């Protein structure tokens, strides 16, 4: 793993590959999750991403909110390595603490600290900014209170409009309060308009770090999801990995990835991650691994230097 990078204007040093915790307790049980976490740390990684809502989205499978945080917390306690890891979690989508009202933010933070078995959160994201009737002033002030209390080191935003992001930053600057240091957008080869454009312009102008999620489009960019091909996988349904296989862009992107990967003798996932890592403003990118065997393809992207021609091939296919 290459040298850690400074996350925006914070003092956090993070790996260029952030390990996503959304699969912990979902498609990876506790034993598998511990193995993946151990292997990631052994390879030089130090940046973990989770949320208080993971994985509440599939209750029919026995999932419940907070289980990813609990698994990470148990791992941190078992390995006694809290100071070696930058832990990021999110607020705003837990069913009991839905939204970004100040009371929710503070109560949810306490629960996240309890599950993570720590006294501080390194990076605290607002997960979704769905209710824009809540003034950004109130959101930032609540987050600033957590920073002043030593419970949060730095703050960031995830799913937020460019306008609300700009307003939040302006309020922080005007009042001298904690300021977002990063944006976590959905961004990958088949989802570019979710970041490129107005959001990226704000990030560039304001000196934020971009930490994109769904780097592999929920597994689609590994190449295992193809048109007409049935995959027995909980993630293969419209809206996640399986949904891209039936689009013209999806087919073009897979063809381009396969072309570059074959020529380089690497996996398609490696090429997809390498392309994303080269995009302007991207400091670290989030990718998940259900098993230890899925990690080498992610690690290999750190050493893969795509040529300008290869980058253009992928960019054109994804346009």
C-alpha atoms as a PDB file:
ATOM      1  CA  UNK A   1       0.000   0.000   0.000  1.00  0.00           C
ATOM      2  CA  UNK A   2       1.375   3.401  -0.936  1.00  0.00           C
ATOM      3  CA  UNK A   3       2.072   6.143   1.584  1.00  0.00           C
ATOM      4  CA  UNK A   4      -0.872   7.572   3.540  1.00  0.00           C
ATOM      5  CA  UNK A   5      -2.355  10.859   2.375  1.00  0.00           C
ATOM      6  CA  UNK A   6      -3.655  13.837   4.298  1.00  0.00           C
ATOM      7  CA  UNK A   7      -7.441  13.947   4.220  1.00  0.00           C
ATOM      8  CA  UNK A   8      -8.379  17.440   3.088  1.00  0.00           C
ATOM      9  CA  UNK A   9      -7.590  20.088   5.696  1.00  0.00           C
ATOM     10  CA  UNK A  10      -7.664  17.600   8.588  1.00  0.00           C
ATOM     11  CA  UNK A  11      -4.724  16.030  10.391  1.00  0.00           C
ATOM     12  CA  UNK A  12      -5.905  12.549   9.432  1.00  0.00           C
ATOM     13  CA  UNK A  13      -3.468  10.427   7.421  1.00  0.00           C
ATOM     14  CA  UNK A  14      -5.339   7.787   5.437  1.00  0.00           C
ATOM     15  CA  UNK A  15      -4.550   4.976   3.036  1.00  0.00           C
ATOM     16  CA  UNK A  16      -5.458   5.532  -0.634  1.00  0.00           C
ATOM     17  CA  UNK A  17      -7.646   2.422  -0.357  1.00  0.00           C
ATOM     18  CA  UNK A  18     -10.350   2.635   2.305  1.00  0.00           C
ATOM     19  CA  UNK A  19     -11.923  -0.653   3.373  1.00  0.00           C
ATOM     20  CA  UNK A  20     -15.700  -0.519   3.238  1.00  0.00           C
ATOM     21  CA  UNK A  21     -17.532  -2.135   6.146  1.00  0.00           C
ATOM     22  CA  UNK A  22     -20.953  -2.373   4.522  1.00  0.00           C
ATOM     23  CA  UNK A  23     -20.583  -6.141   4.010  1.00  0.00           C
ATOM     24  CA  UNK A  24     -19.642  -6.897   7.627  1.00  0.00           C
ATOM     25  CA  UNK A  25     -22.454  -8.874   9.175  1.00  0.00           C
ATOM     26  CA  UNK A  26     -24.234  -9.029   5.835  1.00  0.00           C
ATOM     27  CA  UNK A  27     -22.381 -11.099   3.202  1.00  0.00           C
ATOM     28  CA  UNK A  28     -19.405 -11.564   5.549  1.00  0.00           C
ATOM     29  CA  UNK A  29     -19.959 -13.045   8.990  1.00  0.00           C
ATOM     30  CA  UNK A  30     -17.900 -12.014  11.998  1.00  0.00           C
ATOM     31  CA  UNK A  31     -15.115 -14.537  11.381  1.00  0.00           C
ATOM     32  CA  UNK A  32     -14.811 -13.572   7.710  1.00  0.00           C
ATOM     33  CA  UNK A  33     -14.920  -9.879   8.614  1.00  0.00           C
ATOM     34  CA  UNK A  34     -12.092 -10.265  11.133  1.00  0.00           C
ATOM     35  CA  UNK A  35     -10.001 -12.079   8.510  1.00  0.00           C
ATOM     36  CA  UNK A  36     -10.557  -9.335   5.945  1.00  0.00           C
ATOM     37  CA  UNK A  37      -9.747  -6.620   8.488  1.00  0.00           C
ATOM     38  CA  UNK A  38      -6.565  -8.428   9.558  1.00  0.00           C
ATOM     39  CA  UNK A  39      -5.396  -8.863   5.958  1.00  0.00           C
ATOM     40  CA  UNK A  40      -6.136  -5.233   5.075  1.00  0.00           C
ATOM     41  CA  UNK A  41      -4.182  -3.942   8.063  1.00  0.00           C
ATOM     42  CA  UNK A  42      -1.298  -6.348   7.357  1.00  0.00           C
ATOM     43  CA  UNK A  43      -1.061  -4.932   3.822  1.00  0.00           C
ATOM     44  CA  UNK A  44      -0.581  -1.437   5.207  1.00  0.00           C
ATOM     45  CA  UNK A  45      -4.151  -0.145   5.152  1.00  0.00           C
ATOM     46  CA  UNK A  46      -5.457   2.025   7.971  1.00  0.00           C
ATOM     47  CA  UNK A  47      -8.798   3.544   6.828  1.00  0.00           C
ATOM     48  CA  UNK A  48     -12.135   1.888   7.672  1.00  0.00           C
ATOM     49  CA  UNK A  49     -15.552   3.090   6.542  1.00  0.00           C
ATOM     50  CA  UNK A  50     -18.857   2.102   8.120  1.00  0.00           C
ATOM     51  CA  UNK A  51     -22.215   3.621   9.147  1.00  0.00           C
ATOM     52  CA  UNK A  52     -24.676   3.292  11.997  1.00  0.00           C
ATOM     53  CA  UNK A  53     -27.286   2.079   9.470  1.00  0.00           C
ATOM     54  CA  UNK A  54     -25.244  -0.855   8.086  1.00  0.00           C
ATOM     55  CA  UNK A  55     -26.908  -3.203   7.298  1.00  0.00           C
ATOM     56  CA  UNK A  56     -30.464  -2.219   8.038  1.00  0.00           C
ATOM     57  CA  UNK A  57     -31.406  -2.324   4.366  1.00  0.00           C
ATOM     58  CA  UNK A  58     -32.140  -6.044   4.208  1.00  0.00           C
ATOM     59  CA  UNK A  59     -34.000  -6.967   7.415  1.00  0.00           C
ATOM     60  CA  UNK A  60     -35.537 -10.032   5.744  1.00  0.00           C
ATOM     61  CA  UNK A  61     -32.036 -11.541   5.801  1.00  0.00           C
ATOM     62  CA  UNK A  62     -31.701 -11.030   9.529  1.00  0.00           C
ATOM     63  CA  UNK A  63     -29.690  -7.826   9.249  1.00  0.00           C
ATOM     64  CA  UNK A  64     -30.013  -4.984  11.705  1.00  0.00           C
ATOM     65  CA  UNK A  65     -28.568  -1.473  11.930  1.00  0.00           C
ATOM     66  CA  UNK A  66     -25.255  -1.094  13.696  1.00  0.00           C
ATOM     67  CA  UNK A  67     -23.964  -4.618  13.161  1.00  0.00           C
ATOM     68  CA  UNK A  68     -21.057  -3.446  10.992  1.00  0.00           C
ATOM     69  CA  UNK A  69     -19.969  -0.979  13.678  1.00  0.00           C
ATOM     70  CA  UNK A  70     -20.252  -3.704  16.318  1.00  0.00           C
ATOM     71  CA  UNK A  71     -18.055  -6.086  14.352  1.00  0.00           C
ATOM     72  CA  UNK A  72     -15.424  -3.395  13.809  1.00  0.00           C
ATOM     73  CA  UNK A  73     -15.610  -2.467  17.490  1.00  0.00           C
ATOM     74  CA  UNK A  74     -15.110  -6.082  18.534  1.00  0.00           C
ATOM     75  CA  UNK A  75     -12.148  -6.356  16.158  1.00  0.00           C
ATOM     76  CA  UNK A  76     -10.542  -3.171  17.487  1.00  0.00           C
ATOM     77  CA  UNK A  77     -10.932  -4.441  21.045  1.00  0.00           C
ATOM     78  CA  UNK A  78      -9.602  -7.899  20.215  1.00  0.00           C
ATOM     79  CA  UNK A  79      -6.580  -6.598  18.314  1.00  0.00           C
ATOM     80  CA  UNK A  80      -5.951  -3.615  20.628  1.00  0.00           C
ATOM     81  CA  UNK A  81      -5.026  -1.487  17.632  1.00  0.00           C
ATOM     82  CA  UNK A  82      -7.359   1.497  17.895  1.00  0.00           C
ATOM     83  CA  UNK A  83      -4.539   4.019  17.476  1.00  0.00           C
ATOM     84  CA  UNK A  84      -3.417   2.323  14.247  1.00  0.00           C
ATOM     85  CA  UNK A  85      -6.743   2.795  12.466  1.00  0.00           C
ATOM     86  CA  UNK A  86      -8.721   5.760  11.135  1.00  0.00           C
ATOM     87  CA  UNK A  87     -12.387   4.923  11.703  1.00  0.00           C
ATOM     88  CA  UNK A  88     -15.089   6.699   9.709  1.00  0.00           C
ATOM     89  CA  UNK A  89     -18.780   6.233  10.379  1.00  0.00           C
ATOM     90  CA  UNK A  90     -21.987   8.044   9.448  1.00  0.00           C
ATOM     91  CA  UNK A  91     -25.162   9.481  10.927  1.00  0.00           C
ATOM     92  CA  UNK A  92     -28.612  10.099   9.506  1.00  0.00           C
ATOM     93  CA  UNK A  93     -29.949   6.787   8.206  1.00  0.00           C
ATOM     94  CA  UNK A  94     -30.400   4.678  11.337  1.00  0.00           C
ATOM     95  CA  UNK A  95     -34.131   3.920  11.797  1.00  0.00           C
ATOM     96  CA  UNK A  96     -34.061   5.137  15.396  1.00  0.00           C
ATOM     97  CA  UNK A  97     -31.970   8.219  14.574  1.00  0.00           C
ATOM     98  CA  UNK A  98     -33.225   9.134  11.131  1.00  0.00           C
ATOM     99  CA  UNK A  99     -32.242  12.499   9.743  1.00  0.00           C
ATOM    100  CA  UNK A 100     -29.827  15.231  10.746  1.00  0.00           C
ATOM    101  CA  UNK A 101     -31.679  17.053  13.492  1.00  0.00           C
ATOM    102  CA  UNK A 102     -29.144  18.065  16.173  1.00  0.00           C
ATOM    103  CA  UNK A 103     -30.626  15.719  18.788  1.00  0.00           C
ATOM    104  CA  UNK A 104     -30.355  12.791  16.365  1.00  0.00           C
ATOM    105  CA  UNK A 105     -26.767  13.595  15.493  1.00  0.00           C
ATOM    106  CA  UNK A 106     -25.667  13.670  19.118  1.00  0.00           C
ATOM    107  CA  UNK A 107     -27.646  10.619  20.244  1.00  0.00           C
ATOM    108  CA  UNK A 108     -26.519   8.574  17.248  1.00  0.00           C
ATOM    109  CA  UNK A 109     -22.891   9.498  17.898  1.00  0.00           C
ATOM    110  CA  UNK A 110     -23.122   8.105  21.428  1.00  0.00           C
ATOM    111  CA  UNK A 111     -24.514   4.829  20.085  1.00  0.00           C
ATOM    112  CA  UNK A 112     -21.807   4.605  17.431  1.00  0.00           C
ATOM    113  CA  UNK A 113     -19.120   5.181  20.057  1.00  0.00           C
ATOM    114  CA  UNK A 114     -20.630   2.405  22.157  1.00  0.00           C
ATOM    115  CA  UNK A 115     -20.769  -0.086  19.284  1.00  0.00           C
ATOM    116  CA  UNK A 116     -17.281   0.827  18.049  1.00  0.00           C
ATOM    117  CA  UNK A 117     -15.995   0.468  21.624  1.00  0.00           C
ATOM    118  CA  UNK A 118     -14.004   3.677  21.408  1.00  0.00           C
ATOM    119  CA  UNK A 119     -14.023   7.159  22.900  1.00  0.00           C
ATOM    120  CA  UNK A 120     -13.736   8.996  19.586  1.00  0.00           C
ATOM    121  CA  UNK A 121     -14.742   8.783  15.944  1.00  0.00           C
ATOM    122  CA  UNK A 122     -11.984   9.890  13.586  1.00  0.00           C
ATOM    123  CA  UNK A 123     -14.230  10.968  10.714  1.00  0.00           C
ATOM    124  CA  UNK A 124     -17.968  11.530  11.131  1.00  0.00           C
ATOM    125  CA  UNK A 125     -20.072  11.809   7.970  1.00  0.00           C
ATOM    126  CA  UNK A 126     -23.579  13.098   7.542  1.00  0.00           C
ATOM    127  CA  UNK A 127     -24.947  10.104   5.623  1.00  0.00           C
ATOM    128  CA  UNK A 128     -27.964  11.591   3.822  1.00  0.00           C
ATOM    129  CA  UNK A 129     -29.186  15.176   3.737  1.00  0.00           C
ATOM    130  CA  UNK A 130     -32.765  14.261   2.838  1.00  0.00           C
ATOM    131  CA  UNK A 131     -34.601  16.904   4.855  1.00  0.00           C
ATOM    132  CA  UNK A 132     -33.394  20.260   3.594  1.00  0.00           C
ATOM    133  CA  UNK A 133     -35.780  22.057   5.948  1.00  0.00           C
ATOM    134  CA  UNK A 134     -33.155  21.492   8.657  1.00  0.00           C
ATOM    135  CA  UNK A 135     -30.839  24.517   8.463  1.00  0.00           C
ATOM    136  CA  UNK A 136     -27.210  23.696   7.735  1.00  0.00           C
ATOM    137  CA  UNK A 137     -26.420  26.003  10.669  1.00  0.00           C
ATOM    138  CA  UNK A 138     -28.024  23.536  13.079  1.00  0.00           C
ATOM    139  CA  UNK A 139     -26.292  20.525  11.528  1.00  0.00           C
ATOM    140  CA  UNK A 140     -22.835  22.086  11.581  1.00  0.00           C
ATOM    141  CA  UNK A 141     -23.295  23.422  15.118  1.00  0.00           C
ATOM    142  CA  UNK A 142     -24.245  19.957  16.399  1.00  0.00           C
ATOM    143  CA  UNK A 143     -21.218  18.425  14.681  1.00  0.00           C
ATOM    144  CA  UNK A 144     -18.975  21.161  16.027  1.00  0.00           C
ATOM    145  CA  UNK A 145     -20.204  20.372  19.556  1.00  0.00           C
ATOM    146  CA  UNK A 146     -19.035  16.777  19.081  1.00  0.00           C
ATOM    147  CA  UNK A 147     -15.628  17.964  17.872  1.00  0.00           C
ATOM    148  CA  UNK A 148     -15.245  20.336  20.797  1.00  0.00           C
ATOM    149  CA  UNK A 149     -16.178  17.495  23.175  1.00  0.00           C
ATOM    150  CA  UNK A 150     -13.393  15.331  21.729  1.00  0.00           C
ATOM    151  CA  UNK A 151     -15.832  12.701  20.481  1.00  0.00           C
ATOM    152  CA  UNK A 152     -15.160  13.420  16.796  1.00  0.00           C
ATOM    153  CA  UNK A 153     -11.865  14.455  15.197  1.00  0.00           C
ATOM    154  CA  UNK A 154     -13.112  15.629  11.792  1.00  0.00           C
ATOM    155  CA  UNK A 155     -16.419  15.912   9.945  1.00  0.00           C
ATOM    156  CA  UNK A 156     -17.466  15.183   6.378  1.00  0.00           C
ATOM    157  CA  UNK A 157     -20.558  14.822   4.197  1.00  0.00           C
ATOM    158  CA  UNK A 158     -21.805  12.053   1.946  1.00  0.00           C
ATOM    159  CA  UNK A 159     -25.035  12.348  -0.017  1.00  0.00           C
ATOM    160  CA  UNK A 160     -25.612  16.102  -0.192  1.00  0.00           C
ATOM    161  CA  UNK A 161     -26.410  18.637  -2.905  1.00  0.00           C
ATOM    162  CA  UNK A 162     -23.684  21.017  -4.101  1.00  0.00           C
ATOM    163  CA  UNK A 163     -25.749  23.929  -2.839  1.00  0.00           C
ATOM    164  CA  UNK A 164     -26.125  22.565   0.684  1.00  0.00           C
ATOM    165  CA  UNK A 165     -22.462  21.564   0.767  1.00  0.00           C
ATOM    166  CA  UNK A 166     -21.416  25.081  -0.204  1.00  0.00           C
ATOM    167  CA  UNK A 167     -23.789  26.612   2.360  1.00  0.00           C
ATOM    168  CA  UNK A 168     -22.416  24.349   5.091  1.00  0.00           C
ATOM    169  CA  UNK A 169     -18.830  25.311   4.333  1.00  0.00           C
ATOM    170  CA  UNK A 170     -19.710  28.997   4.227  1.00  0.00           C
ATOM    171  CA  UNK A 171     -21.414  28.790   7.632  1.00  0.00           C
ATOM    172  CA  UNK A 172     -18.411  27.000   9.152  1.00  0.00           C
ATOM    173  CA  UNK A 173     -16.064  29.659   7.787  1.00  0.00           C
ATOM    174  CA  UNK A 174     -18.263  32.525   8.916  1.00  0.00           C
ATOM    175  CA  UNK A 175     -18.739  31.207  12.452  1.00  0.00           C
ATOM    176  CA  UNK A 176     -15.339  29.602  12.921  1.00  0.00           C
ATOM    177  CA  UNK A 177     -16.847  26.138  13.509  1.00  0.00           C
ATOM    178  CA  UNK A 178     -15.793  22.647  12.436  1.00  0.00           C
ATOM    179  CA  UNK A 179     -15.664  22.401   8.648  1.00  0.00           C
ATOM    180  CA  UNK A 180     -16.276  19.453   6.358  1.00  0.00           C
ATOM    181  CA  UNK A 181     -12.928  18.052   5.205  1.00  0.00           C
ATOM    182  CA  UNK A 182     -14.227  15.497   2.720  1.00  0.00           C
ATOM    183  CA  UNK A 183     -17.117  14.484   0.504  1.00  0.00           C
ATOM    184  CA  UNK A 184     -18.102  10.862   0.003  1.00  0.00           C
ATOM    185  CA  UNK A 185     -20.085  10.614  -3.247  1.00  0.00           C
ATOM    186  CA  UNK A 186     -21.149   7.637  -5.294  1.00  0.00           C
ATOM    187  CA  UNK A 187     -18.543   7.576  -8.049  1.00  0.00           C
ATOM    188  CA  UNK A 188     -17.208   4.925 -10.398  1.00  0.00           C
ATOM    189  CA  UNK A 189     -16.941   4.106 -14.087  1.00  0.00           C
ATOM    190  CA  UNK A 190     -20.696   3.558 -14.477  1.00  0.00           C
ATOM    191  CA  UNK A 191     -21.744   6.354 -12.127  1.00  0.00           C
ATOM    192  CA  UNK A 192     -19.892   9.530 -13.034  1.00  0.00           C
ATOM    193  CA  UNK A 193     -22.628  12.159 -13.060  1.00  0.00           C
ATOM    194  CA  UNK A 194     -23.181  11.511  -9.343  1.00  0.00           C
ATOM    195  CA  UNK A 195     -19.939  13.409  -8.731  1.00  0.00           C
ATOM    196  CA  UNK A 196     -18.457  15.010 -11.819  1.00  0.00           C
ATOM    197  CA  UNK A 197     -19.808  18.502 -12.361  1.00  0.00           C
ATOM    198  CA  UNK A 198     -21.087  20.758  -9.597  1.00  0.00           C
ATOM    199  CA  UNK A 199     -20.085  18.504  -6.669  1.00  0.00           C
ATOM    200  CA  UNK A 200     -16.534  18.112  -7.894  1.00  0.00           C
ATOM    201  CA  UNK A 201     -16.312  21.844  -8.526  1.00  0.00           C
ATOM    202  CA  UNK A 202     -17.168  22.533  -4.869  1.00  0.00           C
ATOM    203  CA  UNK A 203     -14.626  19.953  -3.690  1.00  0.00           C
ATOM    204  CA  UNK A 204     -11.893  21.473  -5.866  1.00  0.00           C
ATOM    205  CA  UNK A 205     -12.719  25.045  -4.922  1.00  0.00           C
ATOM    206  CA  UNK A 206     -12.955  24.375  -1.186  1.00  0.00           C
ATOM    207  CA  UNK A 207      -9.962  22.050  -0.836  1.00  0.00           C
ATOM    208  CA  UNK A 208     -11.941  18.994   0.243  1.00  0.00           C
ATOM    209  CA  UNK A 209     -10.926  15.384  -0.221  1.00  0.00           C
ATOM    210  CA  UNK A 210     -13.085  13.086  -2.342  1.00  0.00           C
ATOM    211  CA  UNK A 211     -13.597   9.609  -0.875  1.00  0.00           C
ATOM    212  CA  UNK A 212     -15.939   7.857  -3.325  1.00  0.00           C
ATOM    213  CA  UNK A 213     -18.080   4.877  -2.387  1.00  0.00           C
ATOM    214  CA  UNK A 214     -19.184   1.999  -4.643  1.00  0.00           C
ATOM    215  CA  UNK A 215     -15.742   2.060  -6.315  1.00  0.00           C
ATOM    216  CA  UNK A 216     -16.620  -1.270  -7.950  1.00  0.00           C
ATOM    217  CA  UNK A 217     -20.311  -0.444  -8.473  1.00  0.00           C
ATOM    218  CA  UNK A 218     -21.333  -3.053  -5.892  1.00  0.00           C
ATOM    219  CA  UNK A 219     -19.236  -5.697  -7.651  1.00  0.00           C
ATOM    220  CA  UNK A 220     -20.361  -4.982 -11.212  1.00  0.00           C
ATOM    221  CA  UNK A 221     -16.930  -3.736 -12.287  1.00  0.00           C
ATOM    222  CA  UNK A 222     -15.326  -7.041 -11.303  1.00  0.00           C
ATOM    223  CA  UNK A 223     -16.887  -8.463 -14.465  1.00  0.00           C
ATOM    224  CA  UNK A 224     -18.924 -11.214 -12.871  1.00  0.00           C
ATOM    225  CA  UNK A 225     -22.268  -9.595 -13.699  1.00  0.00           C
ATOM    226  CA  UNK A 226     -23.050  -9.846 -17.401  1.00  0.00           C
ATOM    227  CA  UNK A 227     -26.194  -9.436 -19.527  1.00  0.00           C
ATOM    228  CA  UNK A 228     -28.296 -12.583 -19.356  1.00  0.00           C
ATOM    229  CA  UNK A 229     -26.008 -14.198 -16.792  1.00  0.00           C
ATOM    230  CA  UNK A 230     -27.658 -15.289 -13.565  1.00  0.00           C
ATOM    231  CA  UNK A 231     -25.603 -14.861 -10.398  1.00  0.00           C
ATOM    232  CA  UNK A 232     -26.749 -16.296  -7.085  1.00  0.00           C
ATOM    233  CA  UNK A 233     -25.728 -13.327  -5.005  1.00  0.00           C
ATOM    234  CA  UNK A 234     -27.668 -11.116  -2.625  1.00  0.00           C
ATOM    235  CA  UNK A 235     -26.132  -8.057  -4.277  1.00  0.00           C
ATOM    236  CA  UNK A 236     -27.323  -8.985  -7.782  1.00  0.00           C
ATOM    237  CA  UNK A 237     -30.567  -7.068  -8.079  1.00  0.00           C
ATOM    238  CA  UNK A 238     -31.724  -3.881  -9.853  1.00  0.00           C
ATOM    239  CA  UNK A 239     -30.185  -0.770  -8.362  1.00  0.00           C
ATOM    240  CA  UNK A 240     -26.957  -2.470  -7.349  1.00  0.00           C
ATOM    241  CA  UNK A 241     -24.554  -4.632  -9.324  1.00  0.00           C
ATOM    242  CA  UNK A 242     -27.063  -6.489 -11.468  1.00  0.00           C
ATOM    243  CA  UNK A 243     -28.779  -3.314 -12.574  1.00  0.00           C
ATOM    244  CA  UNK A 244     -25.827  -2.097 -14.656  1.00  0.00           C
ATOM    245  CA  UNK A 245     -25.491  -5.242 -16.777  1.00  0.00           C
ATOM    246  CA  UNK A 246     -28.499  -4.381 -18.922  1.00  0.00           C
ATOM    247  CA  UNK A 247     -27.359  -0.865 -19.842  1.00  0.00           C
ATOM    248  CA  UNK A 248     -25.418   0.146 -22.944  1.00  0.00           C
ATOM    249  CA  UNK A 249     -22.876   1.998 -20.821  1.00  0.00           C
ATOM    250  CA  UNK A 250     -22.417  -1.022 -18.566  1.00  0.00           C
ATOM    251  CA  UNK A 251     -21.631  -3.302 -21.508  1.00  0.00           C
ATOM    252  CA  UNK A 252     -19.176  -0.786 -23.019  1.00  0.00           C
ATOM    253  CA  UNK A 253     -17.397  -0.297 -19.708  1.00  0.00           C
ATOM    254  CA  UNK A 254     -16.988  -4.030 -19.119  1.00  0.00           C
ATOM    255  CA  UNK A 255     -15.604  -4.487 -22.631  1.00  0.00           C
ATOM    256  CA  UNK A 256     -13.071  -1.702 -22.075  1.00  0.00           C
ATOM    257  CA  UNK A 257     -12.104  -3.025 -18.642  1.00  0.00           C
ATOM    258  CA  UNK A 258     -11.615  -6.507 -20.023  1.00  0.00           C
ATOM    259  CA  UNK A 259      -9.470  -5.160 -22.872  1.00  0.00           C
ATOM    260  CA  UNK A 260      -7.139  -3.264 -20.534  1.00  0.00           C
ATOM    261  CA  UNK A 261      -7.075  -5.987 -17.873  1.00  0.00           C
ATOM    262  CA  UNK A 262      -6.189  -8.695 -20.399  1.00  0.00           C
ATOM    263  CA  UNK A 263      -3.398  -6.614 -21.883  1.00  0.00           C
ATOM    264  CA  UNK A 264      -1.975  -5.911 -18.425  1.00  0.00           C
ATOM    265  CA  UNK A 265      -2.506  -9.383 -16.998  1.00  0.00           C
ATOM    266  CA  UNK A 266      -4.547  -8.117 -14.049  1.00  0.00           C
ATOM    267  CA  UNK A 267      -8.126  -8.427 -12.862  1.00  0.00           C
ATOM    268  CA  UNK A 268     -10.861  -6.102 -14.101  1.00  0.00           C
ATOM    269  CA  UNK A 269     -11.437  -4.871 -10.559  1.00  0.00           C
ATOM    270  CA  UNK A 270      -7.811  -3.741 -10.404  1.00  0.00           C
ATOM    271  CA  UNK A 271      -8.221  -1.638 -13.533  1.00  0.00           C
ATOM    272  CA  UNK A 272     -11.501  -0.101 -12.325  1.00  0.00           C
ATOM    273  CA  UNK A 273      -9.947   0.945  -9.026  1.00  0.00           C
ATOM    274  CA  UNK A 274      -6.812   2.255 -10.757  1.00  0.00           C
ATOM    275  CA  UNK A 275      -8.946   4.453 -13.059  1.00  0.00           C
ATOM    276  CA  UNK A 276     -10.866   5.905 -10.115  1.00  0.00           C
ATOM    277  CA  UNK A 277      -7.700   6.559  -8.133  1.00  0.00           C
ATOM    278  CA  UNK A 278      -6.399   8.723 -11.005  1.00  0.00           C
ATOM    279  CA  UNK A 279      -9.429  11.012 -11.103  1.00  0.00           C
ATOM    280  CA  UNK A 280      -9.023  14.632  -9.943  1.00  0.00           C
ATOM    281  CA  UNK A 281      -9.674  15.284  -6.208  1.00  0.00           C
ATOM    282  CA  UNK A 282      -9.839  11.565  -5.241  1.00  0.00           C
ATOM    283  CA  UNK A 283      -7.758  11.121  -2.084  1.00  0.00           C
ATOM    284  CA  UNK A 284      -8.909   7.666  -1.036  1.00  0.00           C
ATOM    285  CA  UNK A 285     -11.567   5.359  -2.430  1.00  0.00           C
ATOM    286  CA  UNK A 286     -13.834   2.867  -0.716  1.00  0.00           C
ATOM    287  CA  UNK A 287     -14.073  -0.762  -1.765  1.00  0.00           C
ATOM    288  CA  UNK A 288     -15.476  -3.710   0.152  1.00  0.00           C
ATOM    289  CA  UNK A 289     -14.257  -7.286   0.331  1.00  0.00           C
ATOM    290  CA  UNK A 290     -16.358 -10.202   1.492  1.00  0.00           C
ATOM    291  CA  UNK A 291     -13.386 -12.570   1.653  1.00  0.00           C
ATOM    292  CA  UNK A 292      -9.616 -12.276   1.980  1.00  0.00           C
ATOM    293  CA  UNK A 293      -9.305 -13.660  -1.553  1.00  0.00           C
ATOM    294  CA  UNK A 294     -10.940 -10.512  -2.953  1.00  0.00           C
ATOM    295  CA  UNK A 295      -8.341  -8.165  -1.464  1.00  0.00           C
ATOM    296  CA  UNK A 296      -5.289  -8.766  -3.735  1.00  0.00           C
ATOM    297  CA  UNK A 297      -7.092  -7.310  -6.768  1.00  0.00           C
ATOM    298  CA  UNK A 298      -7.749  -4.136  -4.779  1.00  0.00           C
ATOM    299  CA  UNK A 299      -4.204  -3.898  -3.448  1.00  0.00           C
ATOM    300  CA  UNK A 300      -2.779  -4.410  -6.959  1.00  0.00           C
ATOM    301  CA  UNK A 301      -4.441  -1.209  -8.139  1.00  0.00           C
ATOM    302  CA  UNK A 302      -2.008   0.789  -6.001  1.00  0.00           C
ATOM    303  CA  UNK A 303       0.860  -0.325  -8.244  1.00  0.00           C
ATOM    304  CA  UNK A 304      -0.956  -0.230 -11.587  1.00  0.00           C
ATOM    305  CA  UNK A 305      -0.082   2.911 -13.544  1.00  0.00           C
ATOM    306  CA  UNK A 306      -2.532   3.217 -16.406  1.00  0.00           C
ATOM    307  CA  UNK A 307      -1.259   4.918 -19.549  1.00  0.00           C
ATOM    308  CA  UNK A 308      -2.975   7.987 -20.950  1.00  0.00           C
ATOM    309  CA  UNK A 309      -4.337   5.815 -23.759  1.00  0.00           C
ATOM    310  CA  UNK A 310      -5.773   3.287 -21.303  1.00  0.00           C
ATOM    311  CA  UNK A 311      -7.326   6.029 -19.209  1.00  0.00           C
ATOM    312  CA  UNK A 312      -8.905   7.551 -22.308  1.00  0.00           C
ATOM    313  CA  UNK A 313     -10.258   4.164 -23.415  1.00  0.00           C
ATOM    314  CA  UNK A 314     -12.008   3.689 -20.082  1.00  0.00           C
ATOM    315  CA  UNK A 315     -13.217   7.280 -19.847  1.00  0.00           C
ATOM    316  CA  UNK A 316     -14.675   7.189 -23.366  1.00  0.00           C
ATOM    317  CA  UNK A 317     -16.452   3.884 -22.727  1.00  0.00           C
ATOM    318  CA  UNK A 318     -18.027   5.281 -19.579  1.00  0.00           C
ATOM    319  CA  UNK A 319     -19.194   8.547 -21.150  1.00  0.00           C
END
